[in-house]
């Protein structure tokens, strides 16, 4: 049975790394559809290339992170000055493997699991 429960649309914090946390909004239907489209575009471009699914998965995570991250703490520029999240800076953050892995595990993974539960 699909239980229709009230859901919060309020942003929440995720601890990514020691001293680094991000504030994210809950994954919306629109964000999930955009992420799926980003992954599909990669698969269309790469076809049967060996890295196609890996690159598509990366595009999916990046799209959800870009649409979801609304704030952060413990992230700064090259001089150590705090900076606000922008799509370009979020991409820079995601180039740091431990941060990418944490966002994928703590933000994307639960959204996918929740999506799968709704379709069961």
PDB file of N, CA and C in Angstrom:
ATOM      1  N   UNK A   1       0.844  -1.172   0.000  1.00  0.00           N
ATOM      2  CA  UNK A   1       0.000   0.000   0.000  1.00  0.00           C
ATOM      3  C   UNK A   1       0.892   1.239   0.000  1.00  0.00           C
ATOM      4  N   UNK A   2       0.557   2.169  -0.838  1.00  0.00           N
ATOM      5  CA  UNK A   2       1.252   3.453  -0.876  1.00  0.00           C
ATOM      6  C   UNK A   2       0.642   4.343   0.181  1.00  0.00           C
ATOM      7  N   UNK A   3       1.455   4.754   1.125  1.00  0.00           N
ATOM      8  CA  UNK A   3       0.957   5.618   2.199  1.00  0.00           C
ATOM      9  C   UNK A   3       1.247   7.066   1.849  1.00  0.00           C
ATOM     10  N   UNK A   4       0.215   7.851   1.761  1.00  0.00           N
ATOM     11  CA  UNK A   4       0.354   9.269   1.466  1.00  0.00           C
ATOM     12  C   UNK A   4       0.486  10.013   2.782  1.00  0.00           C
ATOM     13  N   UNK A   5       1.732  10.341   3.088  1.00  0.00           N
ATOM     14  CA  UNK A   5       2.015  11.035   4.341  1.00  0.00           C
ATOM     15  C   UNK A   5       2.508  12.439   4.023  1.00  0.00           C
ATOM     16  N   UNK A   6       2.243  13.376   4.913  1.00  0.00           N
ATOM     17  CA  UNK A   6       2.771  14.716   4.688  1.00  0.00           C
ATOM     18  C   UNK A   6       4.301  14.663   4.648  1.00  0.00           C
ATOM     19  N   UNK A   7       4.879  15.372   3.693  1.00  0.00           N
ATOM     20  CA  UNK A   7       6.333  15.415   3.593  1.00  0.00           C
ATOM     21  C   UNK A   7       6.804  16.848   3.781  1.00  0.00           C
ATOM     22  N   UNK A   8       7.939  16.962   4.392  1.00  0.00           N
ATOM     23  CA  UNK A   8       8.517  18.285   4.607  1.00  0.00           C
ATOM     24  C   UNK A   8       9.265  18.723   3.354  1.00  0.00           C
ATOM     25  N   UNK A   9       9.115  19.966   2.997  1.00  0.00           N
ATOM     26  CA  UNK A   9       9.860  20.548   1.873  1.00  0.00           C
ATOM     27  C   UNK A   9      10.980  21.443   2.402  1.00  0.00           C
ATOM     28  N   UNK A  10      11.201  21.379   3.716  1.00  0.00           N
ATOM     29  CA  UNK A  10      12.228  22.219   4.334  1.00  0.00           C
ATOM     30  C   UNK A  10      13.615  21.648   4.074  1.00  0.00           C
ATOM     31  N   UNK A  11      14.585  22.510   3.775  1.00  0.00           N
ATOM     32  CA  UNK A  11      15.965  22.045   3.610  1.00  0.00           C
ATOM     33  C   UNK A  11      16.487  21.413   4.901  1.00  0.00           C
ATOM     34  N   UNK A  12      17.446  20.509   4.745  1.00  0.00           N
ATOM     35  CA  UNK A  12      18.065  19.843   5.890  1.00  0.00           C
ATOM     36  C   UNK A  12      19.565  19.732   5.644  1.00  0.00           C
ATOM     37  N   UNK A  13      20.300  19.456   6.700  1.00  0.00           N
ATOM     38  CA  UNK A  13      21.764  19.409   6.634  1.00  0.00           C
ATOM     39  C   UNK A  13      22.269  17.982   6.542  1.00  0.00           C
ATOM     40  N   UNK A  14      23.330  17.798   5.758  1.00  0.00           N
ATOM     41  CA  UNK A  14      24.043  16.527   5.659  1.00  0.00           C
ATOM     42  C   UNK A  14      25.515  16.774   5.966  1.00  0.00           C
ATOM     43  N   UNK A  15      26.072  15.995   6.875  1.00  0.00           N
ATOM     44  CA  UNK A  15      27.504  16.072   7.172  1.00  0.00           C
ATOM     45  C   UNK A  15      28.237  15.230   6.147  1.00  0.00           C
ATOM     46  N   UNK A  16      29.051  15.884   5.294  1.00  0.00           N
ATOM     47  CA  UNK A  16      29.749  15.168   4.229  1.00  0.00           C
ATOM     48  C   UNK A  16      31.112  14.657   4.663  1.00  0.00           C
ATOM     49  N   UNK A  17      31.879  15.562   5.241  1.00  0.00           N
ATOM     50  CA  UNK A  17      33.263  15.293   5.633  1.00  0.00           C
ATOM     51  C   UNK A  17      33.502  16.015   6.945  1.00  0.00           C
ATOM     52  N   UNK A  18      34.561  15.689   7.653  1.00  0.00           N
ATOM     53  CA  UNK A  18      34.834  16.448   8.879  1.00  0.00           C
ATOM     54  C   UNK A  18      34.912  17.951   8.574  1.00  0.00           C
ATOM     55  N   UNK A  19      34.063  18.717   9.226  1.00  0.00           N
ATOM     56  CA  UNK A  19      34.043  20.168   9.051  1.00  0.00           C
ATOM     57  C   UNK A  19      33.320  20.657   7.815  1.00  0.00           C
ATOM     58  N   UNK A  20      32.709  19.760   7.053  1.00  0.00           N
ATOM     59  CA  UNK A  20      32.009  20.139   5.820  1.00  0.00           C
ATOM     60  C   UNK A  20      30.603  19.562   5.856  1.00  0.00           C
ATOM     61  N   UNK A  21      29.641  20.449   5.690  1.00  0.00           N
ATOM     62  CA  UNK A  21      28.265  19.985   5.578  1.00  0.00           C
ATOM     63  C   UNK A  21      27.545  20.814   4.538  1.00  0.00           C
ATOM     64  N   UNK A  22      26.499  20.203   3.961  1.00  0.00           N
ATOM     65  CA  UNK A  22      25.699  20.885   2.949  1.00  0.00           C
ATOM     66  C   UNK A  22      24.253  20.907   3.392  1.00  0.00           C
ATOM     67  N   UNK A  23      23.588  21.979   3.018  1.00  0.00           N
ATOM     68  CA  UNK A  23      22.150  22.081   3.252  1.00  0.00           C
ATOM     69  C   UNK A  23      21.471  21.784   1.929  1.00  0.00           C
ATOM     70  N   UNK A  24      20.539  20.828   1.968  1.00  0.00           N
ATOM     71  CA  UNK A  24      19.869  20.393   0.744  1.00  0.00           C
ATOM     72  C   UNK A  24      18.358  20.455   0.919  1.00  0.00           C
ATOM     73  N   UNK A  25      17.698  20.682  -0.186  1.00  0.00           N
ATOM     74  CA  UNK A  25      16.237  20.585  -0.163  1.00  0.00           C
ATOM     75  C   UNK A  25      15.873  19.141  -0.504  1.00  0.00           C
ATOM     76  N   UNK A  26      14.742  18.664  -0.034  1.00  0.00           N
ATOM     77  CA  UNK A  26      14.320  17.307  -0.393  1.00  0.00           C
ATOM     78  C   UNK A  26      14.236  17.157  -1.911  1.00  0.00           C
ATOM     79  N   UNK A  27      14.534  15.980  -2.387  1.00  0.00           N
ATOM     80  CA  UNK A  27      14.498  15.721  -3.825  1.00  0.00           C
ATOM     81  C   UNK A  27      13.044  15.767  -4.293  1.00  0.00           C
ATOM     82  N   UNK A  28      12.790  16.606  -5.267  1.00  0.00           N
ATOM     83  CA  UNK A  28      11.442  16.758  -5.810  1.00  0.00           C
ATOM     84  C   UNK A  28      11.276  15.874  -7.049  1.00  0.00           C
ATOM     85  N   UNK A  29      10.044  15.733  -7.481  1.00  0.00           N
ATOM     86  CA  UNK A  29       9.767  14.995  -8.714  1.00  0.00           C
ATOM     87  C   UNK A  29      10.488  15.667  -9.880  1.00  0.00           C
ATOM     88  N   UNK A  30      10.428  16.983  -9.948  1.00  0.00           N
ATOM     89  CA  UNK A  30      11.081  17.710 -11.041  1.00  0.00           C
ATOM     90  C   UNK A  30      12.593  17.466 -11.036  1.00  0.00           C
ATOM     91  N   UNK A  31      13.216  17.508  -9.846  1.00  0.00           N
ATOM     92  CA  UNK A  31      14.657  17.274  -9.761  1.00  0.00           C
ATOM     93  C   UNK A  31      14.999  15.856 -10.210  1.00  0.00           C
ATOM     94  N   UNK A  32      14.195  14.886  -9.817  1.00  0.00           N
ATOM     95  CA  UNK A  32      14.443  13.502 -10.218  1.00  0.00           C
ATOM     96  C   UNK A  32      14.307  13.350 -11.734  1.00  0.00           C
ATOM     97  N   UNK A  33      13.314  13.987 -12.322  1.00  0.00           N
ATOM     98  CA  UNK A  33      13.136  13.896 -13.777  1.00  0.00           C
ATOM     99  C   UNK A  33      14.294  14.563 -14.517  1.00  0.00           C
ATOM    100  N   UNK A  34      14.772  15.699 -14.011  1.00  0.00           N
ATOM    101  CA  UNK A  34      15.927  16.354 -14.628  1.00  0.00           C
ATOM    102  C   UNK A  34      17.182  15.491 -14.523  1.00  0.00           C
ATOM    103  N   UNK A  35      17.362  14.846 -13.386  1.00  0.00           N
ATOM    104  CA  UNK A  35      18.516  13.975 -13.207  1.00  0.00           C
ATOM    105  C   UNK A  35      18.440  12.770 -14.147  1.00  0.00           C
ATOM    106  N   UNK A  36      17.265  12.205 -14.281  1.00  0.00           N
ATOM    107  CA  UNK A  36      17.092  11.084 -15.212  1.00  0.00           C
ATOM    108  C   UNK A  36      17.377  11.524 -16.649  1.00  0.00           C
ATOM    109  N   UNK A  37      16.926  12.723 -16.998  1.00  0.00           N
ATOM    110  CA  UNK A  37      17.174  13.243 -18.347  1.00  0.00           C
ATOM    111  C   UNK A  37      18.674  13.452 -18.578  1.00  0.00           C
ATOM    112  N   UNK A  38      19.382  13.938 -17.567  1.00  0.00           N
ATOM    113  CA  UNK A  38      20.835  14.131 -17.691  1.00  0.00           C
ATOM    114  C   UNK A  38      21.528  12.790 -17.920  1.00  0.00           C
ATOM    115  N   UNK A  39      21.113  11.776 -17.190  1.00  0.00           N
ATOM    116  CA  UNK A  39      21.698  10.440 -17.364  1.00  0.00           C
ATOM    117  C   UNK A  39      21.342   9.873 -18.743  1.00  0.00           C
ATOM    118  N   UNK A  40      20.107  10.046 -19.159  1.00  0.00           N
ATOM    119  CA  UNK A  40      19.667   9.532 -20.461  1.00  0.00           C
ATOM    120  C   UNK A  40      20.436  10.193 -21.602  1.00  0.00           C
ATOM    121  N   UNK A  41      20.703  11.475 -21.471  1.00  0.00           N
ATOM    122  CA  UNK A  41      21.463  12.191 -22.500  1.00  0.00           C
ATOM    123  C   UNK A  41      22.865  11.601 -22.650  1.00  0.00           C
ATOM    124  N   UNK A  42      23.500  11.290 -21.535  1.00  0.00           N
ATOM    125  CA  UNK A  42      24.832  10.675 -21.575  1.00  0.00           C
ATOM    126  C   UNK A  42      24.752   9.314 -22.258  1.00  0.00           C
ATOM    127  N   UNK A  43      23.768   8.513 -21.898  1.00  0.00           N
ATOM    128  CA  UNK A  43      23.628   7.190 -22.501  1.00  0.00           C
ATOM    129  C   UNK A  43      23.372   7.293 -24.008  1.00  0.00           C
ATOM    130  N   UNK A  44      22.610   8.290 -24.403  1.00  0.00           N
ATOM    131  CA  UNK A  44      22.338   8.503 -25.825  1.00  0.00           C
ATOM    132  C   UNK A  44      23.619   8.890 -26.566  1.00  0.00           C
ATOM    133  N   UNK A  45      24.411   9.772 -25.951  1.00  0.00           N
ATOM    134  CA  UNK A  45      25.666  10.223 -26.575  1.00  0.00           C
ATOM    135  C   UNK A  45      26.704   9.115 -26.646  1.00  0.00           C
ATOM    136  N   UNK A  46      26.848   8.359 -25.576  1.00  0.00           N
ATOM    137  CA  UNK A  46      27.927   7.375 -25.480  1.00  0.00           C
ATOM    138  C   UNK A  46      27.566   6.011 -26.041  1.00  0.00           C
ATOM    139  N   UNK A  47      26.278   5.744 -26.205  1.00  0.00           N
ATOM    140  CA  UNK A  47      25.856   4.470 -26.759  1.00  0.00           C
ATOM    141  C   UNK A  47      26.388   3.285 -25.973  1.00  0.00           C
ATOM    142  N   UNK A  48      27.146   2.442 -26.617  1.00  0.00           N
ATOM    143  CA  UNK A  48      27.669   1.216 -26.012  1.00  0.00           C
ATOM    144  C   UNK A  48      29.066   1.392 -25.418  1.00  0.00           C
ATOM    145  N   UNK A  49      29.528   2.607 -25.263  1.00  0.00           N
ATOM    146  CA  UNK A  49      30.875   2.835 -24.706  1.00  0.00           C
ATOM    147  C   UNK A  49      30.982   2.174 -23.331  1.00  0.00           C
ATOM    148  N   UNK A  50      32.146   1.617 -23.024  1.00  0.00           N
ATOM    149  CA  UNK A  50      32.301   0.913 -21.746  1.00  0.00           C
ATOM    150  C   UNK A  50      32.005   1.768 -20.516  1.00  0.00           C
ATOM    151  N   UNK A  51      32.269   3.050 -20.591  1.00  0.00           N
ATOM    152  CA  UNK A  51      32.058   3.909 -19.416  1.00  0.00           C
ATOM    153  C   UNK A  51      30.709   4.619 -19.430  1.00  0.00           C
ATOM    154  N   UNK A  52      29.817   4.253 -20.329  1.00  0.00           N
ATOM    155  CA  UNK A  52      28.547   4.975 -20.486  1.00  0.00           C
ATOM    156  C   UNK A  52      27.719   4.971 -19.209  1.00  0.00           C
ATOM    157  N   UNK A  53      27.542   3.834 -18.572  1.00  0.00           N
ATOM    158  CA  UNK A  53      26.704   3.790 -17.376  1.00  0.00           C
ATOM    159  C   UNK A  53      27.355   4.507 -16.200  1.00  0.00           C
ATOM    160  N   UNK A  54      28.667   4.445 -16.119  1.00  0.00           N
ATOM    161  CA  UNK A  54      29.363   5.154 -15.039  1.00  0.00           C
ATOM    162  C   UNK A  54      29.199   6.661 -15.217  1.00  0.00           C
ATOM    163  N   UNK A  55      29.409   7.134 -16.437  1.00  0.00           N
ATOM    164  CA  UNK A  55      29.279   8.561 -16.721  1.00  0.00           C
ATOM    165  C   UNK A  55      27.832   9.022 -16.542  1.00  0.00           C
ATOM    166  N   UNK A  56      26.878   8.182 -16.909  1.00  0.00           N
ATOM    167  CA  UNK A  56      25.466   8.525 -16.721  1.00  0.00           C
ATOM    168  C   UNK A  56      25.134   8.623 -15.234  1.00  0.00           C
ATOM    169  N   UNK A  57      25.653   7.704 -14.444  1.00  0.00           N
ATOM    170  CA  UNK A  57      25.438   7.765 -12.994  1.00  0.00           C
ATOM    171  C   UNK A  57      26.031   9.023 -12.386  1.00  0.00           C
ATOM    172  N   UNK A  58      27.192   9.406 -12.861  1.00  0.00           N
ATOM    173  CA  UNK A  58      27.813  10.642 -12.386  1.00  0.00           C
ATOM    174  C   UNK A  58      26.947  11.849 -12.755  1.00  0.00           C
ATOM    175  N   UNK A  59      26.430  11.870 -13.973  1.00  0.00           N
ATOM    176  CA  UNK A  59      25.563  12.968 -14.410  1.00  0.00           C
ATOM    177  C   UNK A  59      24.298  13.034 -13.564  1.00  0.00           C
ATOM    178  N   UNK A  60      23.752  11.879 -13.216  1.00  0.00           N
ATOM    179  CA  UNK A  60      22.555  11.812 -12.388  1.00  0.00           C
ATOM    180  C   UNK A  60      22.829  12.438 -11.017  1.00  0.00           C
ATOM    181  N   UNK A  61      23.919  12.030 -10.373  1.00  0.00           N
ATOM    182  CA  UNK A  61      24.269  12.562  -9.053  1.00  0.00           C
ATOM    183  C   UNK A  61      24.554  14.054  -9.124  1.00  0.00           C
ATOM    184  N   UNK A  62      25.297  14.480 -10.133  1.00  0.00           N
ATOM    185  CA  UNK A  62      25.600  15.914 -10.279  1.00  0.00           C
ATOM    186  C   UNK A  62      24.320  16.733 -10.445  1.00  0.00           C
ATOM    187  N   UNK A  63      23.387  16.242 -11.256  1.00  0.00           N
ATOM    188  CA  UNK A  63      22.137  16.982 -11.479  1.00  0.00           C
ATOM    189  C   UNK A  63      21.346  17.123 -10.180  1.00  0.00           C
ATOM    190  N   UNK A  64      21.249  16.042  -9.397  1.00  0.00           N
ATOM    191  CA  UNK A  64      20.516  16.136  -8.129  1.00  0.00           C
ATOM    192  C   UNK A  64      21.242  17.057  -7.151  1.00  0.00           C
ATOM    193  N   UNK A  65      22.564  16.995  -7.121  1.00  0.00           N
ATOM    194  CA  UNK A  65      23.319  17.863  -6.219  1.00  0.00           C
ATOM    195  C   UNK A  65      23.138  19.334  -6.606  1.00  0.00           C
ATOM    196  N   UNK A  66      23.229  19.634  -7.891  1.00  0.00           N
ATOM    197  CA  UNK A  66      23.068  21.028  -8.341  1.00  0.00           C
ATOM    198  C   UNK A  66      21.688  21.572  -8.002  1.00  0.00           C
ATOM    199  N   UNK A  67      20.668  20.750  -8.147  1.00  0.00           N
ATOM    200  CA  UNK A  67      19.313  21.240  -7.870  1.00  0.00           C
ATOM    201  C   UNK A  67      18.995  21.228  -6.375  1.00  0.00           C
ATOM    202  N   UNK A  68      19.722  20.420  -5.612  1.00  0.00           N
ATOM    203  CA  UNK A  68      19.383  20.262  -4.204  1.00  0.00           C
ATOM    204  C   UNK A  68      20.171  21.083  -3.211  1.00  0.00           C
ATOM    205  N   UNK A  69      21.449  21.335  -3.500  1.00  0.00           N
ATOM    206  CA  UNK A  69      22.286  22.052  -2.527  1.00  0.00           C
ATOM    207  C   UNK A  69      21.910  23.526  -2.508  1.00  0.00           C
ATOM    208  N   UNK A  70      21.519  24.009  -1.330  1.00  0.00           N
ATOM    209  CA  UNK A  70      21.120  25.410  -1.186  1.00  0.00           C
ATOM    210  C   UNK A  70      22.045  26.182  -0.245  1.00  0.00           C
ATOM    211  N   UNK A  71      22.904  25.482   0.453  1.00  0.00           N
ATOM    212  CA  UNK A  71      23.846  26.138   1.356  1.00  0.00           C
ATOM    213  C   UNK A  71      24.914  25.151   1.768  1.00  0.00           C
ATOM    214  N   UNK A  72      25.984  25.686   2.343  1.00  0.00           N
ATOM    215  CA  UNK A  72      27.016  24.803   2.865  1.00  0.00           C
ATOM    216  C   UNK A  72      27.877  25.525   3.873  1.00  0.00           C
ATOM    217  N   UNK A  73      28.597  24.736   4.625  1.00  0.00           N
ATOM    218  CA  UNK A  73      29.549  25.254   5.603  1.00  0.00           C
ATOM    219  C   UNK A  73      30.837  24.467   5.453  1.00  0.00           C
ATOM    220  N   UNK A  74      31.960  25.164   5.673  1.00  0.00           N
ATOM    221  CA  UNK A  74      33.251  24.497   5.612  1.00  0.00           C
ATOM    222  C   UNK A  74      33.826  24.386   4.214  1.00  0.00           C
ATOM    223  N   UNK A  75      33.318  25.170   3.276  1.00  0.00           N
ATOM    224  CA  UNK A  75      33.805  25.154   1.893  1.00  0.00           C
ATOM    225  C   UNK A  75      34.189  26.575   1.524  1.00  0.00           C
ATOM    226  N   UNK A  76      35.413  26.714   0.979  1.00  0.00           N
ATOM    227  CA  UNK A  76      35.906  28.037   0.620  1.00  0.00           C
ATOM    228  C   UNK A  76      36.674  28.019  -0.677  1.00  0.00           C
ATOM    229  N   UNK A  77      37.083  29.212  -1.095  1.00  0.00           N
ATOM    230  CA  UNK A  77      37.857  29.350  -2.324  1.00  0.00           C
ATOM    231  C   UNK A  77      39.327  29.012  -2.060  1.00  0.00           C
ATOM    232  N   UNK A  78      40.170  29.240  -3.060  1.00  0.00           N
ATOM    233  CA  UNK A  78      41.595  28.899  -2.961  1.00  0.00           C
ATOM    234  C   UNK A  78      42.283  29.634  -1.821  1.00  0.00           C
ATOM    235  N   UNK A  79      41.760  30.800  -1.428  1.00  0.00           N
ATOM    236  CA  UNK A  79      42.335  31.570  -0.333  1.00  0.00           C
ATOM    237  C   UNK A  79      41.727  31.209   1.017  1.00  0.00           C
ATOM    238  N   UNK A  80      40.764  30.290   1.010  1.00  0.00           N
ATOM    239  CA  UNK A  80      40.134  29.873   2.253  1.00  0.00           C
ATOM    240  C   UNK A  80      38.968  30.739   2.684  1.00  0.00           C
ATOM    241  N   UNK A  81      38.499  31.604   1.800  1.00  0.00           N
ATOM    242  CA  UNK A  81      37.348  32.447   2.104  1.00  0.00           C
ATOM    243  C   UNK A  81      36.062  31.688   1.780  1.00  0.00           C
ATOM    244  N   UNK A  82      35.098  31.715   2.699  1.00  0.00           N
ATOM    245  CA  UNK A  82      33.829  31.010   2.425  1.00  0.00           C
ATOM    246  C   UNK A  82      33.192  31.508   1.130  1.00  0.00           C
ATOM    247  N   UNK A  83      32.598  30.567   0.393  1.00  0.00           N
ATOM    248  CA  UNK A  83      31.906  30.889  -0.850  1.00  0.00           C
ATOM    249  C   UNK A  83      30.511  30.274  -0.818  1.00  0.00           C
ATOM    250  N   UNK A  84      29.634  30.852  -1.591  1.00  0.00           N
ATOM    251  CA  UNK A  84      28.274  30.349  -1.714  1.00  0.00           C
ATOM    252  C   UNK A  84      28.233  29.256  -2.785  1.00  0.00           C
ATOM    253  N   UNK A  85      27.320  28.310  -2.648  1.00  0.00           N
ATOM    254  CA  UNK A  85      27.218  27.277  -3.683  1.00  0.00           C
ATOM    255  C   UNK A  85      26.629  27.834  -4.981  1.00  0.00           C
ATOM    256  N   UNK A  86      27.283  27.522  -6.071  1.00  0.00           N
ATOM    257  CA  UNK A  86      26.796  27.801  -7.421  1.00  0.00           C
ATOM    258  C   UNK A  86      26.930  26.475  -8.180  1.00  0.00           C
ATOM    259  N   UNK A  87      26.308  26.346  -9.333  1.00  0.00           N
ATOM    260  CA  UNK A  87      26.491  25.096 -10.083  1.00  0.00           C
ATOM    261  C   UNK A  87      27.964  24.774 -10.342  1.00  0.00           C
ATOM    262  N   UNK A  88      28.756  25.800 -10.651  1.00  0.00           N
ATOM    263  CA  UNK A  88      30.180  25.570 -10.926  1.00  0.00           C
ATOM    264  C   UNK A  88      30.917  25.117  -9.670  1.00  0.00           C
ATOM    265  N   UNK A  89      30.609  25.744  -8.539  1.00  0.00           N
ATOM    266  CA  UNK A  89      31.268  25.360  -7.286  1.00  0.00           C
ATOM    267  C   UNK A  89      30.800  23.992  -6.799  1.00  0.00           C
ATOM    268  N   UNK A  90      29.543  23.685  -7.033  1.00  0.00           N
ATOM    269  CA  UNK A  90      29.048  22.353  -6.677  1.00  0.00           C
ATOM    270  C   UNK A  90      29.795  21.313  -7.499  1.00  0.00           C
ATOM    271  N   UNK A  91      30.012  21.593  -8.792  1.00  0.00           N
ATOM    272  CA  UNK A  91      30.799  20.672  -9.614  1.00  0.00           C
ATOM    273  C   UNK A  91      32.225  20.532  -9.072  1.00  0.00           C
ATOM    274  N   UNK A  92      32.817  21.639  -8.615  1.00  0.00           N
ATOM    275  CA  UNK A  92      34.155  21.570  -8.021  1.00  0.00           C
ATOM    276  C   UNK A  92      34.137  20.676  -6.776  1.00  0.00           C
ATOM    277  N   UNK A  93      33.131  20.837  -5.948  1.00  0.00           N
ATOM    278  CA  UNK A  93      33.000  19.995  -4.766  1.00  0.00           C
ATOM    279  C   UNK A  93      32.912  18.524  -5.166  1.00  0.00           C
ATOM    280  N   UNK A  94      32.133  18.232  -6.196  1.00  0.00           N
ATOM    281  CA  UNK A  94      31.922  16.853  -6.618  1.00  0.00           C
ATOM    282  C   UNK A  94      33.155  16.234  -7.272  1.00  0.00           C
ATOM    283  N   UNK A  95      34.131  17.040  -7.638  1.00  0.00           N
ATOM    284  CA  UNK A  95      35.396  16.506  -8.148  1.00  0.00           C
ATOM    285  C   UNK A  95      36.228  15.911  -7.018  1.00  0.00           C
ATOM    286  N   UNK A  96      35.888  16.236  -5.794  1.00  0.00           N
ATOM    287  CA  UNK A  96      36.564  15.682  -4.618  1.00  0.00           C
ATOM    288  C   UNK A  96      35.854  14.378  -4.284  1.00  0.00           C
ATOM    289  N   UNK A  97      36.513  13.233  -4.550  1.00  0.00           N
ATOM    290  CA  UNK A  97      35.858  11.934  -4.439  1.00  0.00           C
ATOM    291  C   UNK A  97      35.123  11.717  -3.123  1.00  0.00           C
ATOM    292  N   UNK A  98      35.721  11.967  -1.953  1.00  0.00           N
ATOM    293  CA  UNK A  98      34.975  11.707  -0.717  1.00  0.00           C
ATOM    294  C   UNK A  98      33.669  12.514  -0.621  1.00  0.00           C
ATOM    295  N   UNK A  99      33.670  13.731  -1.146  1.00  0.00           N
ATOM    296  CA  UNK A  99      32.450  14.539  -1.132  1.00  0.00           C
ATOM    297  C   UNK A  99      31.414  13.959  -2.094  1.00  0.00           C
ATOM    298  N   UNK A 100      31.858  13.580  -3.299  1.00  0.00           N
ATOM    299  CA  UNK A 100      30.943  12.970  -4.266  1.00  0.00           C
ATOM    300  C   UNK A 100      30.316  11.715  -3.666  1.00  0.00           C
ATOM    301  N   UNK A 101      31.156  10.875  -3.078  1.00  0.00           N
ATOM    302  CA  UNK A 101      30.677   9.625  -2.491  1.00  0.00           C
ATOM    303  C   UNK A 101      29.660   9.891  -1.384  1.00  0.00           C
ATOM    304  N   UNK A 102      29.937  10.875  -0.531  1.00  0.00           N
ATOM    305  CA  UNK A 102      29.019  11.189   0.564  1.00  0.00           C
ATOM    306  C   UNK A 102      27.674  11.696   0.042  1.00  0.00           C
ATOM    307  N   UNK A 103      27.703  12.572  -0.948  1.00  0.00           N
ATOM    308  CA  UNK A 103      26.444  13.080  -1.517  1.00  0.00           C
ATOM    309  C   UNK A 103      25.674  11.945  -2.180  1.00  0.00           C
ATOM    310  N   UNK A 104      26.387  11.080  -2.874  1.00  0.00           N
ATOM    311  CA  UNK A 104      25.733   9.957  -3.533  1.00  0.00           C
ATOM    312  C   UNK A 104      25.084   9.022  -2.507  1.00  0.00           C
ATOM    313  N   UNK A 105      25.779   8.744  -1.414  1.00  0.00           N
ATOM    314  CA  UNK A 105      25.267   7.837  -0.380  1.00  0.00           C
ATOM    315  C   UNK A 105      24.167   8.455   0.469  1.00  0.00           C
ATOM    316  N   UNK A 106      24.382   9.719   0.880  1.00  0.00           N
ATOM    317  CA  UNK A 106      23.495  10.337   1.868  1.00  0.00           C
ATOM    318  C   UNK A 106      22.303  11.086   1.269  1.00  0.00           C
ATOM    319  N   UNK A 107      22.415  11.505   0.020  1.00  0.00           N
ATOM    320  CA  UNK A 107      21.356  12.308  -0.587  1.00  0.00           C
ATOM    321  C   UNK A 107      20.695  11.574  -1.757  1.00  0.00           C
ATOM    322  N   UNK A 108      21.511  11.124  -2.700  1.00  0.00           N
ATOM    323  CA  UNK A 108      20.964  10.477  -3.896  1.00  0.00           C
ATOM    324  C   UNK A 108      20.427   9.086  -3.569  1.00  0.00           C
ATOM    325  N   UNK A 109      21.207   8.288  -2.862  1.00  0.00           N
ATOM    326  CA  UNK A 109      20.796   6.922  -2.540  1.00  0.00           C
ATOM    327  C   UNK A 109      19.436   6.840  -1.860  1.00  0.00           C
ATOM    328  N   UNK A 110      19.223   7.599  -0.782  1.00  0.00           N
ATOM    329  CA  UNK A 110      17.905   7.561  -0.139  1.00  0.00           C
ATOM    330  C   UNK A 110      16.772   8.024  -1.056  1.00  0.00           C
ATOM    331  N   UNK A 111      17.035   8.983  -1.937  1.00  0.00           N
ATOM    332  CA  UNK A 111      15.992   9.443  -2.866  1.00  0.00           C
ATOM    333  C   UNK A 111      15.629   8.331  -3.838  1.00  0.00           C
ATOM    334  N   UNK A 112      16.629   7.585  -4.309  1.00  0.00           N
ATOM    335  CA  UNK A 112      16.366   6.476  -5.220  1.00  0.00           C
ATOM    336  C   UNK A 112      15.605   5.374  -4.490  1.00  0.00           C
ATOM    337  N   UNK A 113      16.018   5.076  -3.270  1.00  0.00           N
ATOM    338  CA  UNK A 113      15.334   4.043  -2.492  1.00  0.00           C
ATOM    339  C   UNK A 113      13.880   4.416  -2.251  1.00  0.00           C
ATOM    340  N   UNK A 114      13.640   5.677  -1.939  1.00  0.00           N
ATOM    341  CA  UNK A 114      12.269   6.135  -1.713  1.00  0.00           C
ATOM    342  C   UNK A 114      11.456   6.037  -2.996  1.00  0.00           C
ATOM    343  N   UNK A 115      12.075   6.399  -4.108  1.00  0.00           N
ATOM    344  CA  UNK A 115      11.403   6.305  -5.405  1.00  0.00           C
ATOM    345  C   UNK A 115      11.051   4.850  -5.715  1.00  0.00           C
ATOM    346  N   UNK A 116      11.962   3.930  -5.418  1.00  0.00           N
ATOM    347  CA  UNK A 116      11.713   2.512  -5.661  1.00  0.00           C
ATOM    348  C   UNK A 116      10.580   1.993  -4.787  1.00  0.00           C
ATOM    349  N   UNK A 117      10.525   2.444  -3.524  1.00  0.00           N
ATOM    350  CA  UNK A 117       9.457   2.021  -2.619  1.00  0.00           C
ATOM    351  C   UNK A 117       8.095   2.449  -3.128  1.00  0.00           C
ATOM    352  N   UNK A 118       8.019   3.647  -3.704  1.00  0.00           N
ATOM    353  CA  UNK A 118       6.745   4.146  -4.210  1.00  0.00           C
ATOM    354  C   UNK A 118       6.262   3.331  -5.408  1.00  0.00           C
ATOM    355  N   UNK A 119       7.207   2.734  -6.132  1.00  0.00           N
ATOM    356  CA  UNK A 119       6.849   1.978  -7.322  1.00  0.00           C
ATOM    357  C   UNK A 119       6.646   0.487  -7.025  1.00  0.00           C
ATOM    358  N   UNK A 120       6.809   0.101  -5.775  1.00  0.00           N
ATOM    359  CA  UNK A 120       6.678  -1.334  -5.442  1.00  0.00           C
ATOM    360  C   UNK A 120       5.232  -1.740  -5.326  1.00  0.00           C
TER     361      UNK A 120
END
